[in-house]
Amino acid sequence: MPILEVNFKLNVSTAEYEAICNAIAQPIAEVPGLIWKVWLLNQEEKEAGGVYLFMDDASLEEYLAGPIVAQIQGHPALSDLSVKTFEVMGEVTNTTRGPIPMMVAA
């Protein structure tokens, strides 16, 4: 199961960013193959982002090539976008109670 990490700088207030998040949360929740997303915010540094867990690489790649990521990339409220993908280390993640389905360890 792949993990996606997205980070960026905010060019707007926290309140404006939260309004953007509220508008896009449901469409993200409906992304095929997405298991969960954790939303990140560092108000002091004006940074935000998210960590996503996908069912498989194909779902992750489809999301990266889709309209939501295109909207994020071109949004004037955001800058310095960083997108990284990782594989979950299942056995040790399960040991430390990471929020990953147990089937990853198999």
PDB file of N, CA and C in Angstrom:
ATOM      1  N   MET A   1       0.844  -1.184   0.000  1.00  0.00           N
ATOM      2  CA  MET A   1       0.000   0.000   0.000  1.00  0.00           C
ATOM      3  C   MET A   1       0.881   1.236   0.000  1.00  0.00           C
ATOM      4  N   PRO A   2       0.709   2.090  -0.982  1.00  0.00           N
ATOM      5  CA  PRO A   2       1.555   3.279  -1.057  1.00  0.00           C
ATOM      6  C   PRO A   2       1.006   4.440  -0.218  1.00  0.00           C
ATOM      7  N   ILE A   3       1.941   5.236   0.246  1.00  0.00           N
ATOM      8  CA  ILE A   3       1.664   6.475   0.981  1.00  0.00           C
ATOM      9  C   ILE A   3       2.060   7.636   0.078  1.00  0.00           C
ATOM     10  N   LEU A   4       1.241   8.672   0.077  1.00  0.00           N
ATOM     11  CA  LEU A   4       1.540   9.916  -0.628  1.00  0.00           C
ATOM     12  C   LEU A   4       1.681  11.007   0.418  1.00  0.00           C
ATOM     13  N   GLU A   5       2.749  11.784   0.309  1.00  0.00           N
ATOM     14  CA  GLU A   5       2.960  12.937   1.190  1.00  0.00           C
ATOM     15  C   GLU A   5       3.003  14.186   0.312  1.00  0.00           C
ATOM     16  N   VAL A   6       2.124  15.142   0.625  1.00  0.00           N
ATOM     17  CA  VAL A   6       2.060  16.400  -0.117  1.00  0.00           C
ATOM     18  C   VAL A   6       2.241  17.532   0.883  1.00  0.00           C
ATOM     19  N   ASN A   7       3.138  18.459   0.576  1.00  0.00           N
ATOM     20  CA  ASN A   7       3.383  19.629   1.426  1.00  0.00           C
ATOM     21  C   ASN A   7       3.476  20.868   0.558  1.00  0.00           C
ATOM     22  N   PHE A   8       3.110  22.016   1.158  1.00  0.00           N
ATOM     23  CA  PHE A   8       3.191  23.276   0.428  1.00  0.00           C
ATOM     24  C   PHE A   8       3.153  24.432   1.405  1.00  0.00           C
ATOM     25  N   LYS A   9       3.503  25.612   0.911  1.00  0.00           N
ATOM     26  CA  LYS A   9       3.408  26.863   1.660  1.00  0.00           C
ATOM     27  C   LYS A   9       2.050  27.489   1.383  1.00  0.00           C
ATOM     28  N   LEU A  10       1.531  28.188   2.382  1.00  0.00           N
ATOM     29  CA  LEU A  10       0.249  28.880   2.234  1.00  0.00           C
ATOM     30  C   LEU A  10       0.466  30.347   1.901  1.00  0.00           C
ATOM     31  N   ASN A  11      -0.273  30.836   0.932  1.00  0.00           N
ATOM     32  CA  ASN A  11      -0.245  32.249   0.554  1.00  0.00           C
ATOM     33  C   ASN A  11      -1.493  32.974   1.030  1.00  0.00           C
ATOM     34  N   VAL A  12      -2.263  32.315   1.933  1.00  0.00           N
ATOM     35  CA  VAL A  12      -3.515  32.869   2.452  1.00  0.00           C
ATOM     36  C   VAL A  12      -3.564  32.632   3.966  1.00  0.00           C
ATOM     37  N   SER A  13      -4.549  33.228   4.610  1.00  0.00           N
ATOM     38  CA  SER A  13      -4.726  33.032   6.045  1.00  0.00           C
ATOM     39  C   SER A  13      -5.176  31.597   6.330  1.00  0.00           C
ATOM     40  N   THR A  14      -5.046  31.193   7.588  1.00  0.00           N
ATOM     41  CA  THR A  14      -5.508  29.870   7.991  1.00  0.00           C
ATOM     42  C   THR A  14      -7.005  29.714   7.738  1.00  0.00           C
ATOM     43  N   ALA A  15      -7.775  30.750   8.037  1.00  0.00           N
ATOM     44  CA  ALA A  15      -9.224  30.689   7.822  1.00  0.00           C
ATOM     45  C   ALA A  15      -9.551  30.472   6.344  1.00  0.00           C
ATOM     46  N   GLU A  16      -8.844  31.172   5.460  1.00  0.00           N
ATOM     47  CA  GLU A  16      -9.080  30.993   4.027  1.00  0.00           C
ATOM     48  C   GLU A  16      -8.687  29.582   3.589  1.00  0.00           C
ATOM     49  N   TYR A  17      -7.583  29.076   4.125  1.00  0.00           N
ATOM     50  CA  TYR A  17      -7.143  27.727   3.784  1.00  0.00           C
ATOM     51  C   TYR A  17      -8.151  26.688   4.278  1.00  0.00           C
ATOM     52  N   GLU A  18      -8.658  26.868   5.488  1.00  0.00           N
ATOM     53  CA  GLU A  18      -9.652  25.933   6.020  1.00  0.00           C
ATOM     54  C   GLU A  18     -10.909  25.918   5.156  1.00  0.00           C
ATOM     55  N   ALA A  19     -11.306  27.052   4.617  1.00  0.00           N
ATOM     56  CA  ALA A  19     -12.462  27.101   3.717  1.00  0.00           C
ATOM     57  C   ALA A  19     -12.182  26.306   2.447  1.00  0.00           C
ATOM     58  N   ILE A  20     -10.968  26.417   1.928  1.00  0.00           N
ATOM     59  CA  ILE A  20     -10.575  25.642   0.747  1.00  0.00           C
ATOM     60  C   ILE A  20     -10.646  24.148   1.062  1.00  0.00           C
ATOM     61  N   CYS A  21     -10.122  23.780   2.230  1.00  0.00           N
ATOM     62  CA  CYS A  21     -10.121  22.366   2.638  1.00  0.00           C
ATOM     63  C   CYS A  21     -11.542  21.833   2.769  1.00  0.00           C
ATOM     64  N   ASN A  22     -12.416  22.615   3.380  1.00  0.00           N
ATOM     65  CA  ASN A  22     -13.804  22.180   3.546  1.00  0.00           C
ATOM     66  C   ASN A  22     -14.480  21.935   2.200  1.00  0.00           C
ATOM     67  N   ALA A  23     -14.125  22.738   1.207  1.00  0.00           N
ATOM     68  CA  ALA A  23     -14.728  22.597  -0.115  1.00  0.00           C
ATOM     69  C   ALA A  23     -14.225  21.361  -0.856  1.00  0.00           C
ATOM     70  N   ILE A  24     -13.014  20.932  -0.565  1.00  0.00           N
ATOM     71  CA  ILE A  24     -12.428  19.827  -1.334  1.00  0.00           C
ATOM     72  C   ILE A  24     -12.384  18.510  -0.554  1.00  0.00           C
ATOM     73  N   ALA A  25     -12.717  18.518   0.731  1.00  0.00           N
ATOM     74  CA  ALA A  25     -12.620  17.298   1.551  1.00  0.00           C
ATOM     75  C   ALA A  25     -13.487  16.158   1.002  1.00  0.00           C
ATOM     76  N   GLN A  26     -14.721  16.432   0.653  1.00  0.00           N
ATOM     77  CA  GLN A  26     -15.594  15.351   0.172  1.00  0.00           C
ATOM     78  C   GLN A  26     -15.134  14.795  -1.169  1.00  0.00           C
ATOM     79  N   PRO A  27     -14.771  15.642  -2.142  1.00  0.00           N
ATOM     80  CA  PRO A  27     -14.239  15.064  -3.377  1.00  0.00           C
ATOM     81  C   PRO A  27     -13.000  14.199  -3.155  1.00  0.00           C
ATOM     82  N   ILE A  28     -12.137  14.591  -2.225  1.00  0.00           N
ATOM     83  CA  ILE A  28     -10.963  13.763  -1.922  1.00  0.00           C
ATOM     84  C   ILE A  28     -11.407  12.457  -1.271  1.00  0.00           C
ATOM     85  N   ALA A  29     -12.368  12.524  -0.354  1.00  0.00           N
ATOM     86  CA  ALA A  29     -12.868  11.319   0.306  1.00  0.00           C
ATOM     87  C   ALA A  29     -13.435  10.312  -0.699  1.00  0.00           C
ATOM     88  N   GLU A  30     -13.899  10.790  -1.825  1.00  0.00           N
ATOM     89  CA  GLU A  30     -14.507   9.933  -2.845  1.00  0.00           C
ATOM     90  C   GLU A  30     -13.512   9.403  -3.881  1.00  0.00           C
ATOM     91  N   VAL A  31     -12.231   9.724  -3.730  1.00  0.00           N
ATOM     92  CA  VAL A  31     -11.225   9.262  -4.689  1.00  0.00           C
ATOM     93  C   VAL A  31     -11.137   7.732  -4.643  1.00  0.00           C
ATOM     94  N   PRO A  32     -11.295   7.077  -5.784  1.00  0.00           N
ATOM     95  CA  PRO A  32     -11.198   5.613  -5.816  1.00  0.00           C
ATOM     96  C   PRO A  32      -9.831   5.135  -5.314  1.00  0.00           C
ATOM     97  N   GLY A  33      -9.858   4.167  -4.415  1.00  0.00           N
ATOM     98  CA  GLY A  33      -8.620   3.581  -3.905  1.00  0.00           C
ATOM     99  C   GLY A  33      -8.010   4.302  -2.719  1.00  0.00           C
ATOM    100  N   LEU A  34      -8.556   5.450  -2.331  1.00  0.00           N
ATOM    101  CA  LEU A  34      -8.032   6.165  -1.159  1.00  0.00           C
ATOM    102  C   LEU A  34      -8.605   5.525   0.097  1.00  0.00           C
ATOM    103  N   ILE A  35      -7.737   5.122   1.012  1.00  0.00           N
ATOM    104  CA  ILE A  35      -8.178   4.547   2.286  1.00  0.00           C
ATOM    105  C   ILE A  35      -8.403   5.660   3.295  1.00  0.00           C
ATOM    106  N   TRP A  36      -7.420   6.562   3.419  1.00  0.00           N
ATOM    107  CA  TRP A  36      -7.568   7.724   4.299  1.00  0.00           C
ATOM    108  C   TRP A  36      -6.597   8.829   3.917  1.00  0.00           C
ATOM    109  N   LYS A  37      -6.908  10.018   4.432  1.00  0.00           N
ATOM    110  CA  LYS A  37      -6.019  11.171   4.314  1.00  0.00           C
ATOM    111  C   LYS A  37      -5.974  11.852   5.669  1.00  0.00           C
ATOM    112  N   VAL A  38      -4.772  12.220   6.102  1.00  0.00           N
ATOM    113  CA  VAL A  38      -4.571  13.033   7.301  1.00  0.00           C
ATOM    114  C   VAL A  38      -4.150  14.413   6.809  1.00  0.00           C
ATOM    115  N   TRP A  39      -4.888  15.438   7.232  1.00  0.00           N
ATOM    116  CA  TRP A  39      -4.622  16.823   6.830  1.00  0.00           C
ATOM    117  C   TRP A  39      -3.616  17.432   7.803  1.00  0.00           C
ATOM    118  N   LEU A  40      -2.635  18.164   7.279  1.00  0.00           N
ATOM    119  CA  LEU A  40      -1.564  18.743   8.090  1.00  0.00           C
ATOM    120  C   LEU A  40      -1.585  20.262   8.008  1.00  0.00           C
ATOM    121  N   LEU A  41      -1.273  20.929   9.134  1.00  0.00           N
ATOM    122  CA  LEU A  41      -1.196  22.384   9.157  1.00  0.00           C
ATOM    123  C   LEU A  41      -0.182  22.831  10.196  1.00  0.00           C
ATOM    124  N   ASN A  42       0.737  23.693   9.787  1.00  0.00           N
ATOM    125  CA  ASN A  42       1.680  24.351  10.685  1.00  0.00           C
ATOM    126  C   ASN A  42       1.438  25.850  10.511  1.00  0.00           C
ATOM    127  N   GLN A  43       0.623  26.412  11.401  1.00  0.00           N
ATOM    128  CA  GLN A  43       0.227  27.813  11.263  1.00  0.00           C
ATOM    129  C   GLN A  43       1.409  28.765  11.370  1.00  0.00           C
ATOM    130  N   GLU A  44       2.339  28.494  12.277  1.00  0.00           N
ATOM    131  CA  GLU A  44       3.479  29.386  12.472  1.00  0.00           C
ATOM    132  C   GLU A  44       4.341  29.512  11.230  1.00  0.00           C
ATOM    133  N   GLU A  45       4.546  28.400  10.540  1.00  0.00           N
ATOM    134  CA  GLU A  45       5.399  28.394   9.350  1.00  0.00           C
ATOM    135  C   GLU A  45       4.607  28.610   8.058  1.00  0.00           C
ATOM    136  N   LYS A  46       3.262  28.720   8.177  1.00  0.00           N
ATOM    137  CA  LYS A  46       2.381  28.859   7.015  1.00  0.00           C
ATOM    138  C   LYS A  46       2.612  27.720   6.017  1.00  0.00           C
ATOM    139  N   GLU A  47       2.655  26.510   6.574  1.00  0.00           N
ATOM    140  CA  GLU A  47       2.801  25.297   5.778  1.00  0.00           C
ATOM    141  C   GLU A  47       1.609  24.383   6.018  1.00  0.00           C
ATOM    142  N   ALA A  48       1.295  23.595   5.019  1.00  0.00           N
ATOM    143  CA  ALA A  48       0.205  22.637   5.144  1.00  0.00           C
ATOM    144  C   ALA A  48       0.475  21.469   4.203  1.00  0.00           C
ATOM    145  N   GLY A  49      -0.414  20.494   4.259  1.00  0.00           N
ATOM    146  CA  GLY A  49      -0.274  19.350   3.372  1.00  0.00           C
ATOM    147  C   GLY A  49      -1.127  18.206   3.833  1.00  0.00           C
ATOM    148  N   GLY A  50      -0.733  17.010   3.423  1.00  0.00           N
ATOM    149  CA  GLY A  50      -1.481  15.828   3.794  1.00  0.00           C
ATOM    150  C   GLY A  50      -0.677  14.574   3.576  1.00  0.00           C
ATOM    151  N   VAL A  51      -1.109  13.536   4.281  1.00  0.00           N
ATOM    152  CA  VAL A  51      -0.548  12.202   4.122  1.00  0.00           C
ATOM    153  C   VAL A  51      -1.717  11.296   3.754  1.00  0.00           C
ATOM    154  N   TYR A  52      -1.565  10.544   2.680  1.00  0.00           N
ATOM    155  CA  TYR A  52      -2.632   9.726   2.125  1.00  0.00           C
ATOM    156  C   TYR A  52      -2.179   8.263   2.089  1.00  0.00           C
ATOM    157  N   LEU A  53      -3.113   7.360   2.333  1.00  0.00           N
ATOM    158  CA  LEU A  53      -2.856   5.940   2.141  1.00  0.00           C
ATOM    159  C   LEU A  53      -3.780   5.440   1.045  1.00  0.00           C
ATOM    160  N   PHE A  54      -3.193   4.796   0.029  1.00  0.00           N
ATOM    161  CA  PHE A  54      -3.952   4.251  -1.092  1.00  0.00           C
ATOM    162  C   PHE A  54      -3.926   2.729  -1.076  1.00  0.00           C
ATOM    163  N   MET A  55      -4.942   2.132  -1.683  1.00  0.00           N
ATOM    164  CA  MET A  55      -5.036   0.670  -1.781  1.00  0.00           C
ATOM    165  C   MET A  55      -3.901   0.084  -2.617  1.00  0.00           C
ATOM    166  N   ASP A  56      -3.517   0.812  -3.679  1.00  0.00           N
ATOM    167  CA  ASP A  56      -2.517   0.271  -4.590  1.00  0.00           C
ATOM    168  C   ASP A  56      -1.868   1.406  -5.384  1.00  0.00           C
ATOM    169  N   ASP A  57      -0.798   1.059  -6.075  1.00  0.00           N
ATOM    170  CA  ASP A  57      -0.053   2.042  -6.863  1.00  0.00           C
ATOM    171  C   ASP A  57      -0.904   2.648  -7.977  1.00  0.00           C
ATOM    172  N   ALA A  58      -1.766   1.841  -8.592  1.00  0.00           N
ATOM    173  CA  ALA A  58      -2.593   2.345  -9.689  1.00  0.00           C
ATOM    174  C   ALA A  58      -3.528   3.455  -9.198  1.00  0.00           C
ATOM    175  N   SER A  59      -4.124   3.291  -8.026  1.00  0.00           N
ATOM    176  CA  SER A  59      -5.008   4.323  -7.465  1.00  0.00           C
ATOM    177  C   SER A  59      -4.235   5.598  -7.170  1.00  0.00           C
ATOM    178  N   LEU A  60      -3.046   5.452  -6.627  1.00  0.00           N
ATOM    179  CA  LEU A  60      -2.202   6.610  -6.332  1.00  0.00           C
ATOM    180  C   LEU A  60      -1.834   7.346  -7.621  1.00  0.00           C
ATOM    181  N   GLU A  61      -1.405   6.607  -8.631  1.00  0.00           N
ATOM    182  CA  GLU A  61      -1.010   7.229  -9.896  1.00  0.00           C
ATOM    183  C   GLU A  61      -2.194   7.922 -10.566  1.00  0.00           C
ATOM    184  N   GLU A  62      -3.370   7.306 -10.482  1.00  0.00           N
ATOM    185  CA  GLU A  62      -4.570   7.922 -11.061  1.00  0.00           C
ATOM    186  C   GLU A  62      -4.895   9.236 -10.344  1.00  0.00           C
ATOM    187  N   TYR A  63      -4.756   9.246  -9.029  1.00  0.00           N
ATOM    188  CA  TYR A  63      -5.000  10.465  -8.259  1.00  0.00           C
ATOM    189  C   TYR A  63      -4.005  11.560  -8.655  1.00  0.00           C
ATOM    190  N   LEU A  64      -2.731  11.201  -8.746  1.00  0.00           N
ATOM    191  CA  LEU A  64      -1.701  12.188  -9.112  1.00  0.00           C
ATOM    192  C   LEU A  64      -1.933  12.769 -10.506  1.00  0.00           C
ATOM    193  N   ALA A  65      -2.489  11.990 -11.406  1.00  0.00           N
ATOM    194  CA  ALA A  65      -2.734  12.450 -12.773  1.00  0.00           C
ATOM    195  C   ALA A  65      -4.102  13.108 -12.938  1.00  0.00           C
ATOM    196  N   GLY A  66      -4.879  13.149 -11.862  1.00  0.00           N
ATOM    197  CA  GLY A  66      -6.254  13.612 -11.968  1.00  0.00           C
ATOM    198  C   GLY A  66      -6.470  15.083 -11.689  1.00  0.00           C
ATOM    199  N   PRO A  67      -7.739  15.493 -11.704  1.00  0.00           N
ATOM    200  CA  PRO A  67      -8.094  16.911 -11.602  1.00  0.00           C
ATOM    201  C   PRO A  67      -7.845  17.538 -10.231  1.00  0.00           C
ATOM    202  N   ILE A  68      -7.915  16.765  -9.156  1.00  0.00           N
ATOM    203  CA  ILE A  68      -7.701  17.355  -7.822  1.00  0.00           C
ATOM    204  C   ILE A  68      -6.260  17.817  -7.671  1.00  0.00           C
ATOM    205  N   VAL A  69      -5.313  16.973  -8.047  1.00  0.00           N
ATOM    206  CA  VAL A  69      -3.903  17.364  -7.943  1.00  0.00           C
ATOM    207  C   VAL A  69      -3.595  18.508  -8.898  1.00  0.00           C
ATOM    208  N   ALA A  70      -4.188  18.508 -10.083  1.00  0.00           N
ATOM    209  CA  ALA A  70      -3.992  19.623 -11.020  1.00  0.00           C
ATOM    210  C   ALA A  70      -4.491  20.920 -10.396  1.00  0.00           C
ATOM    211  N   GLN A  71      -5.614  20.860  -9.707  1.00  0.00           N
ATOM    212  CA  GLN A  71      -6.154  22.042  -9.036  1.00  0.00           C
ATOM    213  C   GLN A  71      -5.221  22.515  -7.917  1.00  0.00           C
ATOM    214  N   ILE A  72      -4.672  21.570  -7.156  1.00  0.00           N
ATOM    215  CA  ILE A  72      -3.729  21.915  -6.082  1.00  0.00           C
ATOM    216  C   ILE A  72      -2.490  22.576  -6.678  1.00  0.00           C
ATOM    217  N   GLN A  73      -1.959  22.001  -7.745  1.00  0.00           N
ATOM    218  CA  GLN A  73      -0.739  22.523  -8.365  1.00  0.00           C
ATOM    219  C   GLN A  73      -0.902  23.943  -8.867  1.00  0.00           C
ATOM    220  N   GLY A  74      -2.088  24.288  -9.348  1.00  0.00           N
ATOM    221  CA  GLY A  74      -2.293  25.607  -9.925  1.00  0.00           C
ATOM    222  C   GLY A  74      -2.986  26.604  -9.012  1.00  0.00           C
ATOM    223  N   HIS A  75      -3.254  26.213  -7.770  1.00  0.00           N
ATOM    224  CA  HIS A  75      -4.027  27.093  -6.889  1.00  0.00           C
ATOM    225  C   HIS A  75      -3.169  28.256  -6.392  1.00  0.00           C
ATOM    226  N   PRO A  76      -3.640  29.502  -6.525  1.00  0.00           N
ATOM    227  CA  PRO A  76      -2.849  30.665  -6.109  1.00  0.00           C
ATOM    228  C   PRO A  76      -2.650  30.767  -4.587  1.00  0.00           C
ATOM    229  N   ALA A  77      -3.426  30.025  -3.808  1.00  0.00           N
ATOM    230  CA  ALA A  77      -3.269  30.058  -2.349  1.00  0.00           C
ATOM    231  C   ALA A  77      -2.099  29.206  -1.872  1.00  0.00           C
ATOM    232  N   LEU A  78      -1.518  28.428  -2.790  1.00  0.00           N
ATOM    233  CA  LEU A  78      -0.479  27.468  -2.430  1.00  0.00           C
ATOM    234  C   LEU A  78       0.774  27.692  -3.267  1.00  0.00           C
ATOM    235  N   SER A  79       1.934  27.418  -2.658  1.00  0.00           N
ATOM    236  CA  SER A  79       3.196  27.509  -3.398  1.00  0.00           C
ATOM    237  C   SER A  79       4.185  26.488  -2.842  1.00  0.00           C
ATOM    238  N   ASP A  80       5.302  26.328  -3.524  1.00  0.00           N
ATOM    239  CA  ASP A  80       6.366  25.404  -3.120  1.00  0.00           C
ATOM    240  C   ASP A  80       5.844  23.993  -2.863  1.00  0.00           C
ATOM    241  N   LEU A  81       5.104  23.469  -3.808  1.00  0.00           N
ATOM    242  CA  LEU A  81       4.493  22.152  -3.690  1.00  0.00           C
ATOM    243  C   LEU A  81       5.559  21.054  -3.715  1.00  0.00           C
ATOM    244  N   SER A  82       5.450  20.121  -2.777  1.00  0.00           N
ATOM    245  CA  SER A  82       6.313  18.943  -2.718  1.00  0.00           C
ATOM    246  C   SER A  82       5.424  17.711  -2.691  1.00  0.00           C
ATOM    247  N   VAL A  83       5.679  16.751  -3.597  1.00  0.00           N
ATOM    248  CA  VAL A  83       4.905  15.525  -3.678  1.00  0.00           C
ATOM    249  C   VAL A  83       5.882  14.355  -3.631  1.00  0.00           C
ATOM    250  N   LYS A  84       5.685  13.461  -2.634  1.00  0.00           N
ATOM    251  CA  LYS A  84       6.564  12.303  -2.475  1.00  0.00           C
ATOM    252  C   LYS A  84       5.713  11.062  -2.257  1.00  0.00           C
ATOM    253  N   THR A  85       6.182   9.934  -2.793  1.00  0.00           N
ATOM    254  CA  THR A  85       5.500   8.667  -2.571  1.00  0.00           C
ATOM    255  C   THR A  85       6.419   7.716  -1.807  1.00  0.00           C
ATOM    256  N   PHE A  86       5.803   6.865  -0.995  1.00  0.00           N
ATOM    257  CA  PHE A  86       6.530   5.908  -0.167  1.00  0.00           C
ATOM    258  C   PHE A  86       5.760   4.596  -0.123  1.00  0.00           C
ATOM    259  N   GLU A  87       6.439   3.521   0.170  1.00  0.00           N
ATOM    260  CA  GLU A  87       5.794   2.246   0.484  1.00  0.00           C
ATOM    261  C   GLU A  87       5.775   2.098   2.004  1.00  0.00           C
ATOM    262  N   VAL A  88       4.724   1.492   2.522  1.00  0.00           N
ATOM    263  CA  VAL A  88       4.590   1.263   3.954  1.00  0.00           C
ATOM    264  C   VAL A  88       5.457   0.076   4.353  1.00  0.00           C
ATOM    265  N   MET A  89       6.206   0.236   5.431  1.00  0.00           N
ATOM    266  CA  MET A  89       6.952  -0.865   6.042  1.00  0.00           C
ATOM    267  C   MET A  89       5.987  -1.535   7.027  1.00  0.00           C
ATOM    268  N   GLY A  90       5.231  -2.515   6.512  1.00  0.00           N
ATOM    269  CA  GLY A  90       4.101  -3.079   7.218  1.00  0.00           C
ATOM    270  C   GLY A  90       4.381  -3.667   8.587  1.00  0.00           C
ATOM    271  N   GLU A  91       5.375  -4.519   8.696  1.00  0.00           N
ATOM    272  CA  GLU A  91       5.606  -5.221   9.962  1.00  0.00           C
ATOM    273  C   GLU A  91       5.916  -4.258  11.099  1.00  0.00           C
ATOM    274  N   VAL A  92       6.855  -3.346  10.894  1.00  0.00           N
ATOM    275  CA  VAL A  92       7.211  -2.422  11.981  1.00  0.00           C
ATOM    276  C   VAL A  92       6.118  -1.386  12.206  1.00  0.00           C
ATOM    277  N   THR A  93       5.371  -1.020  11.158  1.00  0.00           N
ATOM    278  CA  THR A  93       4.247  -0.095  11.330  1.00  0.00           C
ATOM    279  C   THR A  93       3.169  -0.732  12.203  1.00  0.00           C
ATOM    280  N   ASN A  94       2.888  -2.009  11.985  1.00  0.00           N
ATOM    281  CA  ASN A  94       1.928  -2.707  12.837  1.00  0.00           C
ATOM    282  C   ASN A  94       2.427  -2.782  14.276  1.00  0.00           C
ATOM    283  N   THR A  95       3.728  -2.997  14.469  1.00  0.00           N
ATOM    284  CA  THR A  95       4.293  -3.050  15.824  1.00  0.00           C
ATOM    285  C   THR A  95       4.073  -1.742  16.558  1.00  0.00           C
ATOM    286  N   THR A  96       4.218  -0.626  15.848  1.00  0.00           N
ATOM    287  CA  THR A  96       4.065   0.686  16.492  1.00  0.00           C
ATOM    288  C   THR A  96       2.646   1.234  16.358  1.00  0.00           C
ATOM    289  N   ARG A  97       1.682   0.367  16.003  1.00  0.00           N
ATOM    290  CA  ARG A  97       0.262   0.689  15.943  1.00  0.00           C
ATOM    291  C   ARG A  97      -0.070   1.765  14.909  1.00  0.00           C
ATOM    292  N   GLY A  98       0.638   1.777  13.794  1.00  0.00           N
ATOM    293  CA  GLY A  98       0.305   2.697  12.704  1.00  0.00           C
ATOM    294  C   GLY A  98      -1.079   2.402  12.168  1.00  0.00           C
ATOM    295  N   PRO A  99      -1.782   3.415  11.666  1.00  0.00           N
ATOM    296  CA  PRO A  99      -3.165   3.220  11.208  1.00  0.00           C
ATOM    297  C   PRO A  99      -3.250   2.567   9.837  1.00  0.00           C
ATOM    298  N   ILE A 100      -2.616   1.410   9.727  1.00  0.00           N
ATOM    299  CA  ILE A 100      -2.541   0.687   8.465  1.00  0.00           C
ATOM    300  C   ILE A 100      -3.234  -0.654   8.650  1.00  0.00           C
ATOM    301  N   PRO A 101      -4.051  -1.077   7.704  1.00  0.00           N
ATOM    302  CA  PRO A 101      -4.671  -2.405   7.833  1.00  0.00           C
ATOM    303  C   PRO A 101      -3.630  -3.486   8.045  1.00  0.00           C
ATOM    304  N   MET A 102      -3.928  -4.448   8.882  1.00  0.00           N
ATOM    305  CA  MET A 102      -2.972  -5.508   9.229  1.00  0.00           C
ATOM    306  C   MET A 102      -2.503  -6.294   8.015  1.00  0.00           C
ATOM    307  N   MET A 103      -3.283  -6.304   6.937  1.00  0.00           N
ATOM    308  CA  MET A 103      -2.886  -7.090   5.774  1.00  0.00           C
ATOM    309  C   MET A 103      -1.600  -6.578   5.139  1.00  0.00           C
ATOM    310  N   VAL A 104      -1.156  -5.369   5.459  1.00  0.00           N
ATOM    311  CA  VAL A 104       0.083  -4.828   4.898  1.00  0.00           C
ATOM    312  C   VAL A 104       1.273  -5.634   5.392  1.00  0.00           C
ATOM    313  N   ALA A 105       1.212  -6.148   6.616  1.00  0.00           N
ATOM    314  CA  ALA A 105       2.341  -6.861   7.196  1.00  0.00           C
ATOM    315  C   ALA A 105       2.558  -8.215   6.533  1.00  0.00           C
ATOM    316  N   ALA A 106       1.544  -8.733   5.874  1.00  0.00           N
ATOM    317  CA  ALA A 106       1.658 -10.059   5.273  1.00  0.00           C
ATOM    318  C   ALA A 106       2.564 -10.068   4.065  1.00  0.00           C
TER     319      ALA A 106
END
